[in-house]
Amino acid sequence: MIRVGLVGFGLAGRVFHAPLISSVQGLELAAVLERNSDNAAQRYPGITTCRSLERMLADTSLGLFVVATPNGTHFEIARQILEAGKSVVVDKPTAVTSAEIAQLMELARAASGRREPPRDEYGDRARCEATMNAIMQGRGLLQQRGTLQQEIKQRSERVRELAKFRSSADTVPTSESLAAAIDGSKVLSDDLWEIFRVLLR
């Protein structure tokens, strides 16, 4: 069981984080930082109410801290928690500048004993780039095909007349006649059969 300390019990802490933490098996909402009220203790009897972050960090039984304070305070609170060697989850935004986020990442690596692996440890870079290019090409084709399908659906009444272009030896339009039938615009021959399939839906 991971005992969780929730820093802040405003809207985010009260409505989102506290109910989530208390409902997840393996997590226990053990302490809440509220400087001036006891709202969390009234809603979650048995928790410890802390008046300061220092007091909460002194509780060695807490294994995880969740920061749910106003955005401008996230960086400083997360920094203190990481410098104390504790694990932390920060409500979005993690910080308000990229420099602050970079600093928190460094602190998190130091606290966990992990490091960013050297570039050559990521694997075959050329293979990764080839895979990413293939994914991007696939996305482009899907987008193009979606555009073609939409255009064809809009012209479905006119294109239904394609039956007169059937050859005597085939039951579907020929590539040439189908291409000519769509306003004379050039369509990739590889897409023609996909277009015809769409028409038959």
N, C-alpha and C. Protein backbone atom coordinates (compact mmCIF):
# COMPACT_ATOMS: atom_id res chain seq x y z
N MET A 1 0.85 -1.19 0.00
CA MET A 1 0.00 0.00 0.00
C MET A 1 0.88 1.25 0.00
N ILE A 2 0.66 2.15 -0.95
CA ILE A 2 1.41 3.40 -1.03
C ILE A 2 0.62 4.50 -0.34
N ARG A 3 1.21 5.07 0.68
CA ARG A 3 0.57 6.17 1.40
C ARG A 3 0.86 7.47 0.66
N VAL A 4 -0.21 8.20 0.33
CA VAL A 4 -0.10 9.38 -0.53
C VAL A 4 -0.35 10.65 0.27
N GLY A 5 0.49 11.64 0.01
CA GLY A 5 0.28 12.97 0.56
C GLY A 5 -0.21 13.90 -0.53
N LEU A 6 -1.38 14.48 -0.35
CA LEU A 6 -1.98 15.39 -1.33
C LEU A 6 -1.70 16.83 -0.92
N VAL A 7 -1.00 17.56 -1.77
CA VAL A 7 -0.64 18.95 -1.48
C VAL A 7 -1.69 19.85 -2.12
N GLY A 8 -2.59 20.36 -1.31
CA GLY A 8 -3.65 21.25 -1.81
C GLY A 8 -4.99 20.55 -1.82
N PHE A 9 -6.03 21.27 -1.35
CA PHE A 9 -7.37 20.70 -1.33
C PHE A 9 -8.37 21.73 -1.85
N GLY A 10 -7.95 22.41 -2.95
CA GLY A 10 -8.88 23.30 -3.64
C GLY A 10 -9.71 22.48 -4.61
N LEU A 11 -10.12 23.09 -5.71
CA LEU A 11 -10.98 22.39 -6.67
C LEU A 11 -10.33 21.12 -7.20
N ALA A 12 -9.07 21.22 -7.68
CA ALA A 12 -8.41 20.06 -8.26
C ALA A 12 -8.21 18.95 -7.23
N GLY A 13 -7.75 19.32 -6.04
CA GLY A 13 -7.51 18.32 -5.01
C GLY A 13 -8.80 17.70 -4.50
N ARG A 14 -9.81 18.52 -4.29
CA ARG A 14 -11.07 18.07 -3.70
C ARG A 14 -11.90 17.25 -4.68
N VAL A 15 -11.98 17.72 -5.94
CA VAL A 15 -12.90 17.10 -6.90
C VAL A 15 -12.25 15.97 -7.69
N PHE A 16 -10.94 16.10 -8.00
CA PHE A 16 -10.30 15.12 -8.86
C PHE A 16 -9.34 14.19 -8.11
N HIS A 17 -8.31 14.77 -7.50
CA HIS A 17 -7.22 13.94 -6.98
C HIS A 17 -7.60 13.12 -5.75
N ALA A 18 -8.22 13.74 -4.75
CA ALA A 18 -8.56 13.01 -3.53
C ALA A 18 -9.50 11.84 -3.81
N PRO A 19 -10.59 12.04 -4.56
CA PRO A 19 -11.46 10.90 -4.85
C PRO A 19 -10.75 9.79 -5.65
N LEU A 20 -9.89 10.20 -6.58
CA LEU A 20 -9.17 9.21 -7.38
C LEU A 20 -8.21 8.40 -6.51
N ILE A 21 -7.41 9.11 -5.71
CA ILE A 21 -6.44 8.42 -4.85
C ILE A 21 -7.15 7.46 -3.90
N SER A 22 -8.25 7.92 -3.29
CA SER A 22 -8.93 7.09 -2.30
C SER A 22 -9.68 5.92 -2.92
N SER A 23 -9.88 5.95 -4.23
CA SER A 23 -10.61 4.85 -4.88
C SER A 23 -9.71 3.84 -5.58
N VAL A 24 -8.42 4.15 -5.68
CA VAL A 24 -7.50 3.24 -6.39
C VAL A 24 -6.92 2.22 -5.42
N GLN A 25 -7.09 0.95 -5.78
CA GLN A 25 -6.53 -0.11 -4.95
C GLN A 25 -5.00 0.00 -4.93
N GLY A 26 -4.42 -0.06 -3.76
CA GLY A 26 -2.97 0.06 -3.63
C GLY A 26 -2.52 1.44 -3.22
N LEU A 27 -3.45 2.43 -3.24
CA LEU A 27 -3.14 3.78 -2.78
C LEU A 27 -3.98 4.11 -1.55
N GLU A 28 -3.39 4.86 -0.65
CA GLU A 28 -4.11 5.31 0.55
C GLU A 28 -3.92 6.82 0.69
N LEU A 29 -5.01 7.56 0.71
CA LEU A 29 -4.93 8.99 0.97
C LEU A 29 -4.63 9.16 2.46
N ALA A 30 -3.37 9.45 2.77
CA ALA A 30 -2.92 9.45 4.17
C ALA A 30 -2.80 10.85 4.76
N ALA A 31 -2.45 11.83 3.93
CA ALA A 31 -2.24 13.18 4.44
C ALA A 31 -2.60 14.21 3.38
N VAL A 32 -3.11 15.35 3.85
CA VAL A 32 -3.46 16.46 2.95
C VAL A 32 -2.89 17.74 3.54
N LEU A 33 -2.27 18.53 2.66
CA LEU A 33 -1.74 19.83 3.08
C LEU A 33 -2.81 20.89 2.88
N GLU A 34 -3.33 21.41 3.99
CA GLU A 34 -4.27 22.52 4.00
C GLU A 34 -3.75 23.52 5.03
N ARG A 35 -3.46 24.70 4.62
CA ARG A 35 -2.84 25.66 5.54
C ARG A 35 -3.81 26.25 6.56
N ASN A 36 -5.09 26.41 6.17
CA ASN A 36 -5.99 27.16 7.06
C ASN A 36 -7.31 26.47 7.37
N SER A 37 -7.55 25.29 6.84
CA SER A 37 -8.85 24.66 7.08
C SER A 37 -8.68 23.16 7.30
N ASP A 38 -9.78 22.51 7.64
CA ASP A 38 -9.78 21.06 7.86
C ASP A 38 -10.83 20.37 6.98
N ASN A 39 -11.04 20.92 5.80
CA ASN A 39 -12.07 20.36 4.91
C ASN A 39 -11.77 18.92 4.51
N ALA A 40 -10.50 18.62 4.26
CA ALA A 40 -10.14 17.27 3.84
C ALA A 40 -10.40 16.26 4.96
N ALA A 41 -10.07 16.64 6.20
CA ALA A 41 -10.27 15.73 7.34
C ALA A 41 -11.76 15.47 7.58
N GLN A 42 -12.59 16.48 7.31
CA GLN A 42 -14.03 16.29 7.46
C GLN A 42 -14.57 15.31 6.42
N ARG A 43 -14.01 15.38 5.22
CA ARG A 43 -14.47 14.50 4.15
C ARG A 43 -13.82 13.12 4.21
N TYR A 44 -12.56 13.07 4.67
CA TYR A 44 -11.81 11.81 4.74
C TYR A 44 -11.29 11.62 6.17
N PRO A 45 -12.15 11.16 7.07
CA PRO A 45 -11.73 10.98 8.47
C PRO A 45 -10.55 10.00 8.55
N GLY A 46 -9.62 10.32 9.41
CA GLY A 46 -8.47 9.44 9.60
C GLY A 46 -7.21 9.91 8.91
N ILE A 47 -7.34 10.88 8.01
CA ILE A 47 -6.14 11.41 7.35
C ILE A 47 -5.43 12.38 8.29
N THR A 48 -4.19 12.67 7.99
CA THR A 48 -3.44 13.67 8.72
C THR A 48 -3.51 14.99 7.96
N THR A 49 -3.84 16.07 8.65
CA THR A 49 -3.83 17.39 8.03
C THR A 49 -2.51 18.07 8.36
N CYS A 50 -1.78 18.46 7.32
CA CYS A 50 -0.50 19.15 7.50
C CYS A 50 -0.69 20.62 7.16
N ARG A 51 -0.01 21.48 7.92
CA ARG A 51 -0.11 22.93 7.70
C ARG A 51 1.04 23.47 6.85
N SER A 52 2.07 22.64 6.62
CA SER A 52 3.20 23.10 5.82
C SER A 52 3.76 21.93 5.03
N LEU A 53 4.43 22.27 3.94
CA LEU A 53 5.07 21.23 3.13
C LEU A 53 6.20 20.57 3.91
N GLU A 54 6.90 21.35 4.70
CA GLU A 54 8.00 20.80 5.50
C GLU A 54 7.48 19.72 6.45
N ARG A 55 6.35 19.98 7.07
CA ARG A 55 5.74 19.00 7.97
C ARG A 55 5.35 17.73 7.21
N MET A 56 4.82 17.90 6.02
CA MET A 56 4.42 16.74 5.23
C MET A 56 5.63 15.93 4.78
N LEU A 57 6.69 16.62 4.35
CA LEU A 57 7.90 15.93 3.91
C LEU A 57 8.58 15.19 5.04
N ALA A 58 8.34 15.62 6.27
CA ALA A 58 8.95 14.96 7.43
C ALA A 58 8.30 13.62 7.74
N ASP A 59 7.12 13.37 7.17
CA ASP A 59 6.42 12.10 7.38
C ASP A 59 7.03 11.03 6.48
N THR A 60 7.87 10.19 7.05
CA THR A 60 8.60 9.19 6.25
C THR A 60 7.71 8.06 5.77
N SER A 61 6.47 8.00 6.26
CA SER A 61 5.57 6.92 5.82
C SER A 61 4.93 7.22 4.46
N LEU A 62 5.03 8.47 4.03
CA LEU A 62 4.44 8.85 2.74
C LEU A 62 5.36 8.44 1.60
N GLY A 63 4.81 7.71 0.65
CA GLY A 63 5.62 7.22 -0.48
C GLY A 63 5.40 7.97 -1.77
N LEU A 64 4.35 8.80 -1.81
CA LEU A 64 4.04 9.53 -3.04
C LEU A 64 3.37 10.85 -2.66
N PHE A 65 3.74 11.91 -3.38
CA PHE A 65 3.13 13.22 -3.17
C PHE A 65 2.43 13.64 -4.46
N VAL A 66 1.23 14.20 -4.32
CA VAL A 66 0.47 14.70 -5.46
C VAL A 66 0.27 16.20 -5.26
N VAL A 67 0.71 16.99 -6.23
CA VAL A 67 0.62 18.45 -6.13
C VAL A 67 -0.61 18.93 -6.88
N ALA A 68 -1.54 19.55 -6.14
CA ALA A 68 -2.78 20.06 -6.72
C ALA A 68 -3.03 21.48 -6.22
N THR A 69 -2.04 22.32 -6.38
CA THR A 69 -2.10 23.71 -5.93
C THR A 69 -2.24 24.62 -7.15
N PRO A 70 -2.35 25.94 -6.97
CA PRO A 70 -2.42 26.84 -8.13
C PRO A 70 -1.20 26.68 -9.04
N ASN A 71 -1.40 26.86 -10.35
CA ASN A 71 -0.37 26.59 -11.36
C ASN A 71 0.98 27.22 -11.06
N GLY A 72 0.97 28.47 -10.63
CA GLY A 72 2.22 29.17 -10.40
C GLY A 72 3.07 28.61 -9.28
N THR A 73 2.49 27.73 -8.44
CA THR A 73 3.24 27.16 -7.32
C THR A 73 3.77 25.76 -7.61
N HIS A 74 3.37 25.18 -8.72
CA HIS A 74 3.73 23.78 -9.02
C HIS A 74 5.23 23.55 -9.01
N PHE A 75 5.97 24.40 -9.70
CA PHE A 75 7.41 24.18 -9.83
C PHE A 75 8.10 24.17 -8.48
N GLU A 76 7.85 25.18 -7.67
CA GLU A 76 8.56 25.29 -6.39
C GLU A 76 8.23 24.12 -5.46
N ILE A 77 6.97 23.75 -5.41
CA ILE A 77 6.58 22.63 -4.54
C ILE A 77 7.18 21.32 -5.05
N ALA A 78 7.08 21.08 -6.37
CA ALA A 78 7.66 19.86 -6.94
C ALA A 78 9.16 19.82 -6.73
N ARG A 79 9.80 20.97 -6.87
CA ARG A 79 11.26 21.03 -6.66
C ARG A 79 11.63 20.61 -5.24
N GLN A 80 10.91 21.12 -4.25
CA GLN A 80 11.20 20.77 -2.86
C GLN A 80 10.98 19.28 -2.60
N ILE A 81 9.92 18.73 -3.19
CA ILE A 81 9.63 17.31 -2.98
C ILE A 81 10.72 16.44 -3.61
N LEU A 82 11.12 16.78 -4.84
CA LEU A 82 12.17 16.01 -5.51
C LEU A 82 13.50 16.14 -4.79
N GLU A 83 13.82 17.34 -4.31
CA GLU A 83 15.08 17.53 -3.59
C GLU A 83 15.10 16.76 -2.28
N ALA A 84 13.90 16.44 -1.76
CA ALA A 84 13.81 15.61 -0.56
C ALA A 84 13.90 14.13 -0.90
N GLY A 85 14.04 13.82 -2.20
CA GLY A 85 14.18 12.44 -2.63
C GLY A 85 12.87 11.68 -2.70
N LYS A 86 11.76 12.38 -2.81
CA LYS A 86 10.44 11.76 -2.82
C LYS A 86 9.88 11.67 -4.24
N SER A 87 8.91 10.78 -4.43
CA SER A 87 8.21 10.65 -5.71
C SER A 87 7.05 11.64 -5.74
N VAL A 88 6.81 12.21 -6.92
CA VAL A 88 5.78 13.25 -7.01
C VAL A 88 5.02 13.15 -8.33
N VAL A 89 3.73 13.44 -8.25
CA VAL A 89 2.87 13.62 -9.43
C VAL A 89 2.36 15.05 -9.36
N VAL A 90 2.50 15.80 -10.45
CA VAL A 90 2.10 17.21 -10.45
C VAL A 90 0.94 17.40 -11.42
N ASP A 91 -0.10 18.07 -10.93
CA ASP A 91 -1.23 18.40 -11.79
C ASP A 91 -0.75 19.31 -12.91
N LYS A 92 -1.42 19.27 -14.04
CA LYS A 92 -1.00 20.10 -15.17
C LYS A 92 -1.35 21.57 -14.93
N PRO A 93 -0.55 22.48 -15.42
CA PRO A 93 0.76 22.27 -16.04
C PRO A 93 1.82 21.97 -14.99
N THR A 94 2.78 21.12 -15.35
CA THR A 94 3.83 20.77 -14.41
C THR A 94 4.58 22.01 -13.95
N ALA A 95 4.83 22.92 -14.87
CA ALA A 95 5.50 24.20 -14.57
C ALA A 95 5.05 25.18 -15.65
N VAL A 96 5.47 26.43 -15.51
CA VAL A 96 5.00 27.44 -16.46
C VAL A 96 6.03 27.79 -17.52
N THR A 97 7.26 27.27 -17.40
CA THR A 97 8.27 27.51 -18.44
C THR A 97 8.99 26.20 -18.74
N SER A 98 9.53 26.11 -19.95
CA SER A 98 10.28 24.91 -20.33
C SER A 98 11.55 24.76 -19.50
N ALA A 99 12.14 25.86 -19.08
CA ALA A 99 13.34 25.79 -18.24
C ALA A 99 13.03 25.16 -16.90
N GLU A 100 11.88 25.49 -16.33
CA GLU A 100 11.49 24.89 -15.06
C GLU A 100 11.23 23.39 -15.22
N ILE A 101 10.59 23.02 -16.31
CA ILE A 101 10.33 21.60 -16.56
C ILE A 101 11.64 20.84 -16.72
N ALA A 102 12.60 21.42 -17.45
CA ALA A 102 13.91 20.78 -17.62
C ALA A 102 14.59 20.59 -16.27
N GLN A 103 14.47 21.57 -15.40
CA GLN A 103 15.09 21.47 -14.08
C GLN A 103 14.44 20.36 -13.26
N LEU A 104 13.11 20.26 -13.33
CA LEU A 104 12.42 19.20 -12.61
C LEU A 104 12.79 17.82 -13.14
N MET A 105 12.96 17.72 -14.45
CA MET A 105 13.37 16.44 -15.04
C MET A 105 14.74 16.02 -14.53
N GLU A 106 15.66 16.97 -14.44
CA GLU A 106 16.99 16.66 -13.92
C GLU A 106 16.91 16.21 -12.47
N LEU A 107 16.11 16.91 -11.68
CA LEU A 107 15.96 16.54 -10.27
C LEU A 107 15.34 15.16 -10.13
N ALA A 108 14.36 14.86 -11.00
CA ALA A 108 13.70 13.55 -10.94
C ALA A 108 14.68 12.43 -11.29
N ARG A 109 15.51 12.67 -12.31
CA ARG A 109 16.52 11.66 -12.66
C ARG A 109 17.49 11.44 -11.50
N ALA A 110 17.93 12.53 -10.90
CA ALA A 110 18.87 12.42 -9.78
C ALA A 110 18.23 11.70 -8.60
N ALA A 111 16.96 12.00 -8.33
CA ALA A 111 16.27 11.39 -7.20
C ALA A 111 16.04 9.90 -7.41
N SER A 112 15.81 9.52 -8.66
CA SER A 112 15.52 8.11 -8.95
C SER A 112 16.77 7.30 -9.27
N GLY A 113 17.90 7.99 -9.45
CA GLY A 113 19.12 7.28 -9.81
C GLY A 113 19.17 6.87 -11.27
N ARG A 114 18.22 7.39 -12.05
CA ARG A 114 18.19 7.05 -13.47
C ARG A 114 18.89 8.12 -14.28
N ARG A 115 19.22 7.77 -15.50
CA ARG A 115 19.89 8.72 -16.38
C ARG A 115 19.28 8.62 -17.77
N GLU A 116 19.41 9.66 -18.52
CA GLU A 116 18.99 9.65 -19.92
C GLU A 116 20.01 8.82 -20.69
N PRO A 117 19.59 7.76 -21.39
CA PRO A 117 20.57 6.94 -22.09
C PRO A 117 21.24 7.70 -23.23
N PRO A 118 22.51 7.37 -23.50
CA PRO A 118 23.17 7.98 -24.66
C PRO A 118 22.40 7.68 -25.93
N ARG A 119 22.58 8.54 -26.92
CA ARG A 119 21.82 8.42 -28.16
C ARG A 119 21.98 7.04 -28.80
N ASP A 120 23.20 6.47 -28.72
CA ASP A 120 23.42 5.19 -29.39
C ASP A 120 22.77 4.02 -28.66
N GLU A 121 22.17 4.26 -27.49
CA GLU A 121 21.49 3.19 -26.77
C GLU A 121 20.01 3.11 -27.11
N TYR A 122 19.54 4.03 -27.92
CA TYR A 122 18.12 4.02 -28.28
C TYR A 122 17.83 2.95 -29.34
N GLY A 123 18.83 2.41 -29.98
CA GLY A 123 18.61 1.42 -31.02
C GLY A 123 19.03 1.96 -32.37
N ASP A 124 18.61 1.29 -33.41
CA ASP A 124 18.99 1.65 -34.78
C ASP A 124 18.25 2.91 -35.20
N ARG A 125 18.97 4.03 -35.21
CA ARG A 125 18.35 5.32 -35.53
C ARG A 125 17.78 5.33 -36.95
N ALA A 126 18.52 4.78 -37.91
CA ALA A 126 18.05 4.78 -39.29
C ALA A 126 16.74 3.99 -39.41
N ARG A 127 16.67 2.88 -38.69
CA ARG A 127 15.45 2.07 -38.75
C ARG A 127 14.27 2.82 -38.13
N CYS A 128 14.55 3.52 -37.00
CA CYS A 128 13.49 4.32 -36.37
C CYS A 128 12.99 5.41 -37.32
N GLU A 129 13.93 6.09 -37.98
CA GLU A 129 13.53 7.16 -38.89
C GLU A 129 12.75 6.62 -40.08
N ALA A 130 13.16 5.45 -40.58
CA ALA A 130 12.44 4.83 -41.70
C ALA A 130 11.02 4.47 -41.27
N THR A 131 10.88 3.95 -40.06
CA THR A 131 9.55 3.60 -39.55
C THR A 131 8.69 4.84 -39.41
N MET A 132 9.27 5.92 -38.86
CA MET A 132 8.51 7.16 -38.71
C MET A 132 8.10 7.73 -40.07
N ASN A 133 8.99 7.63 -41.06
CA ASN A 133 8.64 8.10 -42.40
C ASN A 133 7.49 7.29 -42.98
N ALA A 134 7.53 5.97 -42.76
CA ALA A 134 6.45 5.12 -43.25
C ALA A 134 5.13 5.48 -42.58
N ILE A 135 5.18 5.77 -41.29
CA ILE A 135 3.97 6.17 -40.57
C ILE A 135 3.42 7.48 -41.13
N MET A 136 4.32 8.44 -41.37
CA MET A 136 3.88 9.74 -41.91
C MET A 136 3.29 9.58 -43.31
N GLN A 137 3.92 8.71 -44.13
CA GLN A 137 3.38 8.47 -45.47
C GLN A 137 2.00 7.84 -45.37
N GLY A 138 1.87 6.90 -44.46
CA GLY A 138 0.57 6.25 -44.27
C GLY A 138 -0.50 7.24 -43.85
N ARG A 139 -0.14 8.15 -42.94
CA ARG A 139 -1.10 9.18 -42.52
C ARG A 139 -1.50 10.06 -43.70
N GLY A 140 -0.50 10.41 -44.53
CA GLY A 140 -0.78 11.24 -45.68
C GLY A 140 -1.73 10.56 -46.66
N LEU A 141 -1.49 9.26 -46.89
CA LEU A 141 -2.35 8.51 -47.80
C LEU A 141 -3.77 8.40 -47.26
N LEU A 142 -3.88 8.17 -45.95
CA LEU A 142 -5.21 8.08 -45.35
C LEU A 142 -5.95 9.40 -45.48
N GLN A 143 -5.24 10.49 -45.27
CA GLN A 143 -5.86 11.80 -45.39
C GLN A 143 -6.29 12.06 -46.83
N GLN A 144 -5.41 11.70 -47.78
CA GLN A 144 -5.73 11.90 -49.19
C GLN A 144 -6.92 11.03 -49.58
N ARG A 145 -6.92 9.80 -49.11
CA ARG A 145 -8.01 8.89 -49.45
C ARG A 145 -9.32 9.39 -48.87
N GLY A 146 -9.24 9.91 -47.64
CA GLY A 146 -10.45 10.45 -47.03
C GLY A 146 -11.00 11.60 -47.83
N THR A 147 -10.11 12.44 -48.36
CA THR A 147 -10.53 13.57 -49.19
C THR A 147 -11.18 13.07 -50.47
N LEU A 148 -10.57 12.05 -51.08
CA LEU A 148 -11.15 11.49 -52.31
C LEU A 148 -12.52 10.88 -52.05
N GLN A 149 -12.64 10.16 -50.94
CA GLN A 149 -13.91 9.53 -50.62
C GLN A 149 -15.00 10.58 -50.43
N GLN A 150 -14.65 11.66 -49.75
CA GLN A 150 -15.63 12.71 -49.53
C GLN A 150 -16.06 13.35 -50.85
N GLU A 151 -15.09 13.58 -51.72
CA GLU A 151 -15.40 14.18 -53.02
C GLU A 151 -16.31 13.27 -53.83
N ILE A 152 -16.01 11.98 -53.79
CA ILE A 152 -16.81 11.03 -54.56
C ILE A 152 -18.22 10.92 -54.00
N LYS A 153 -18.35 10.93 -52.68
CA LYS A 153 -19.69 10.86 -52.09
C LYS A 153 -20.52 12.07 -52.50
N GLN A 154 -19.88 13.23 -52.59
CA GLN A 154 -20.60 14.43 -52.99
C GLN A 154 -21.06 14.35 -54.43
N ARG A 155 -20.34 13.58 -55.24
CA ARG A 155 -20.70 13.48 -56.66
C ARG A 155 -21.35 12.14 -56.98
N SER A 156 -21.86 11.46 -55.98
CA SER A 156 -22.33 10.09 -56.16
C SER A 156 -23.41 9.96 -57.24
N GLU A 157 -24.30 10.95 -57.33
CA GLU A 157 -25.36 10.86 -58.33
C GLU A 157 -24.78 10.78 -59.75
N ARG A 158 -23.80 11.61 -60.01
CA ARG A 158 -23.22 11.63 -61.35
C ARG A 158 -22.42 10.37 -61.63
N VAL A 159 -21.68 9.91 -60.62
CA VAL A 159 -20.78 8.79 -60.84
C VAL A 159 -21.54 7.47 -60.94
N ARG A 160 -22.78 7.43 -60.46
CA ARG A 160 -23.57 6.20 -60.59
C ARG A 160 -23.78 5.82 -62.05
N GLU A 161 -23.65 6.79 -62.92
CA GLU A 161 -23.83 6.53 -64.35
C GLU A 161 -22.64 5.79 -64.96
N LEU A 162 -21.66 5.46 -64.12
CA LEU A 162 -20.47 4.78 -64.64
C LEU A 162 -20.79 3.41 -65.24
N ALA A 163 -21.95 2.89 -64.92
CA ALA A 163 -22.29 1.56 -65.43
C ALA A 163 -22.23 1.52 -66.96
N LYS A 164 -22.49 2.61 -67.63
CA LYS A 164 -22.47 2.61 -69.10
C LYS A 164 -21.06 2.47 -69.64
N PHE A 165 -20.04 2.64 -68.77
CA PHE A 165 -18.66 2.50 -69.23
C PHE A 165 -18.13 1.07 -69.07
N ARG A 166 -19.00 0.16 -68.63
CA ARG A 166 -18.52 -1.22 -68.47
C ARG A 166 -18.09 -1.79 -69.81
N SER A 167 -17.00 -2.54 -69.76
CA SER A 167 -16.59 -3.23 -70.97
C SER A 167 -17.37 -4.53 -71.06
N SER A 168 -17.42 -5.11 -72.23
CA SER A 168 -18.21 -6.33 -72.40
C SER A 168 -17.57 -7.53 -71.70
N ALA A 169 -16.27 -7.44 -71.41
CA ALA A 169 -15.58 -8.58 -70.81
C ALA A 169 -15.44 -8.47 -69.30
N ASP A 170 -15.88 -7.34 -68.72
CA ASP A 170 -15.66 -7.16 -67.29
C ASP A 170 -16.94 -6.65 -66.65
N THR A 171 -17.02 -6.84 -65.33
CA THR A 171 -18.22 -6.40 -64.62
C THR A 171 -18.00 -5.11 -63.87
N VAL A 172 -16.80 -4.53 -63.99
CA VAL A 172 -16.50 -3.26 -63.33
C VAL A 172 -15.97 -2.29 -64.37
N PRO A 173 -16.01 -1.00 -64.10
CA PRO A 173 -15.46 -0.04 -65.06
C PRO A 173 -13.97 -0.24 -65.27
N THR A 174 -13.49 0.09 -66.45
CA THR A 174 -12.05 0.03 -66.69
C THR A 174 -11.41 1.24 -66.06
N SER A 175 -10.12 1.14 -65.75
CA SER A 175 -9.41 2.24 -65.11
C SER A 175 -9.49 3.50 -65.94
N GLU A 176 -9.31 3.36 -67.25
CA GLU A 176 -9.29 4.53 -68.12
C GLU A 176 -10.64 5.22 -68.14
N SER A 177 -11.71 4.45 -68.27
CA SER A 177 -13.04 5.07 -68.35
C SER A 177 -13.44 5.68 -67.02
N LEU A 178 -13.04 5.04 -65.93
CA LEU A 178 -13.37 5.58 -64.62
C LEU A 178 -12.65 6.90 -64.39
N ALA A 179 -11.38 6.95 -64.77
CA ALA A 179 -10.61 8.18 -64.61
C ALA A 179 -11.21 9.30 -65.45
N ALA A 180 -11.63 8.98 -66.65
CA ALA A 180 -12.19 9.99 -67.53
C ALA A 180 -13.55 10.46 -67.05
N ALA A 181 -14.26 9.61 -66.34
CA ALA A 181 -15.62 9.95 -65.93
C ALA A 181 -15.66 10.96 -64.81
N ILE A 182 -14.60 11.06 -64.03
CA ILE A 182 -14.62 12.00 -62.91
C ILE A 182 -14.08 13.34 -63.37
N ASP A 183 -14.91 14.07 -64.10
CA ASP A 183 -14.57 15.41 -64.59
C ASP A 183 -13.26 15.45 -65.36
N GLY A 184 -12.82 14.33 -65.86
CA GLY A 184 -11.59 14.31 -66.60
C GLY A 184 -10.35 14.52 -65.75
N SER A 185 -10.50 14.57 -64.40
CA SER A 185 -9.34 14.79 -63.55
C SER A 185 -8.50 13.53 -63.45
N LYS A 186 -7.20 13.70 -63.27
CA LYS A 186 -6.31 12.56 -63.17
C LYS A 186 -6.38 11.98 -61.76
N VAL A 187 -6.61 10.71 -61.69
CA VAL A 187 -6.65 10.01 -60.41
C VAL A 187 -5.63 8.89 -60.48
N LEU A 188 -4.89 8.69 -59.42
CA LEU A 188 -3.91 7.61 -59.42
C LEU A 188 -4.60 6.29 -59.68
N SER A 189 -4.02 5.50 -60.57
CA SER A 189 -4.66 4.24 -60.93
C SER A 189 -4.80 3.32 -59.73
N ASP A 190 -3.85 3.41 -58.78
CA ASP A 190 -3.94 2.56 -57.59
C ASP A 190 -5.16 2.90 -56.75
N ASP A 191 -5.64 4.14 -56.85
CA ASP A 191 -6.79 4.56 -56.05
C ASP A 191 -8.11 4.26 -56.74
N LEU A 192 -8.09 3.92 -57.99
CA LEU A 192 -9.34 3.77 -58.73
C LEU A 192 -10.21 2.66 -58.18
N TRP A 193 -9.58 1.55 -57.84
CA TRP A 193 -10.39 0.44 -57.35
C TRP A 193 -10.92 0.72 -55.96
N GLU A 194 -10.15 1.46 -55.17
CA GLU A 194 -10.66 1.88 -53.86
C GLU A 194 -11.83 2.83 -54.03
N ILE A 195 -11.74 3.71 -55.02
CA ILE A 195 -12.83 4.62 -55.30
C ILE A 195 -14.08 3.86 -55.70
N PHE A 196 -13.90 2.88 -56.57
CA PHE A 196 -15.05 2.09 -57.03
C PHE A 196 -15.66 1.33 -55.86
N ARG A 197 -14.80 0.82 -54.97
CA ARG A 197 -15.31 0.10 -53.80
C ARG A 197 -16.16 1.02 -52.93
N VAL A 198 -15.72 2.27 -52.78
CA VAL A 198 -16.49 3.24 -52.01
C VAL A 198 -17.85 3.47 -52.64
N LEU A 199 -17.87 3.54 -53.95
CA LEU A 199 -19.12 3.78 -54.67
C LEU A 199 -20.13 2.66 -54.46
N LEU A 200 -19.63 1.45 -54.24
CA LEU A 200 -20.52 0.32 -54.08
C LEU A 200 -21.06 0.16 -52.66
N ARG A 201 -20.61 1.00 -51.74
CA ARG A 201 -21.07 0.88 -50.36
C ARG A 201 -22.56 1.20 -50.26
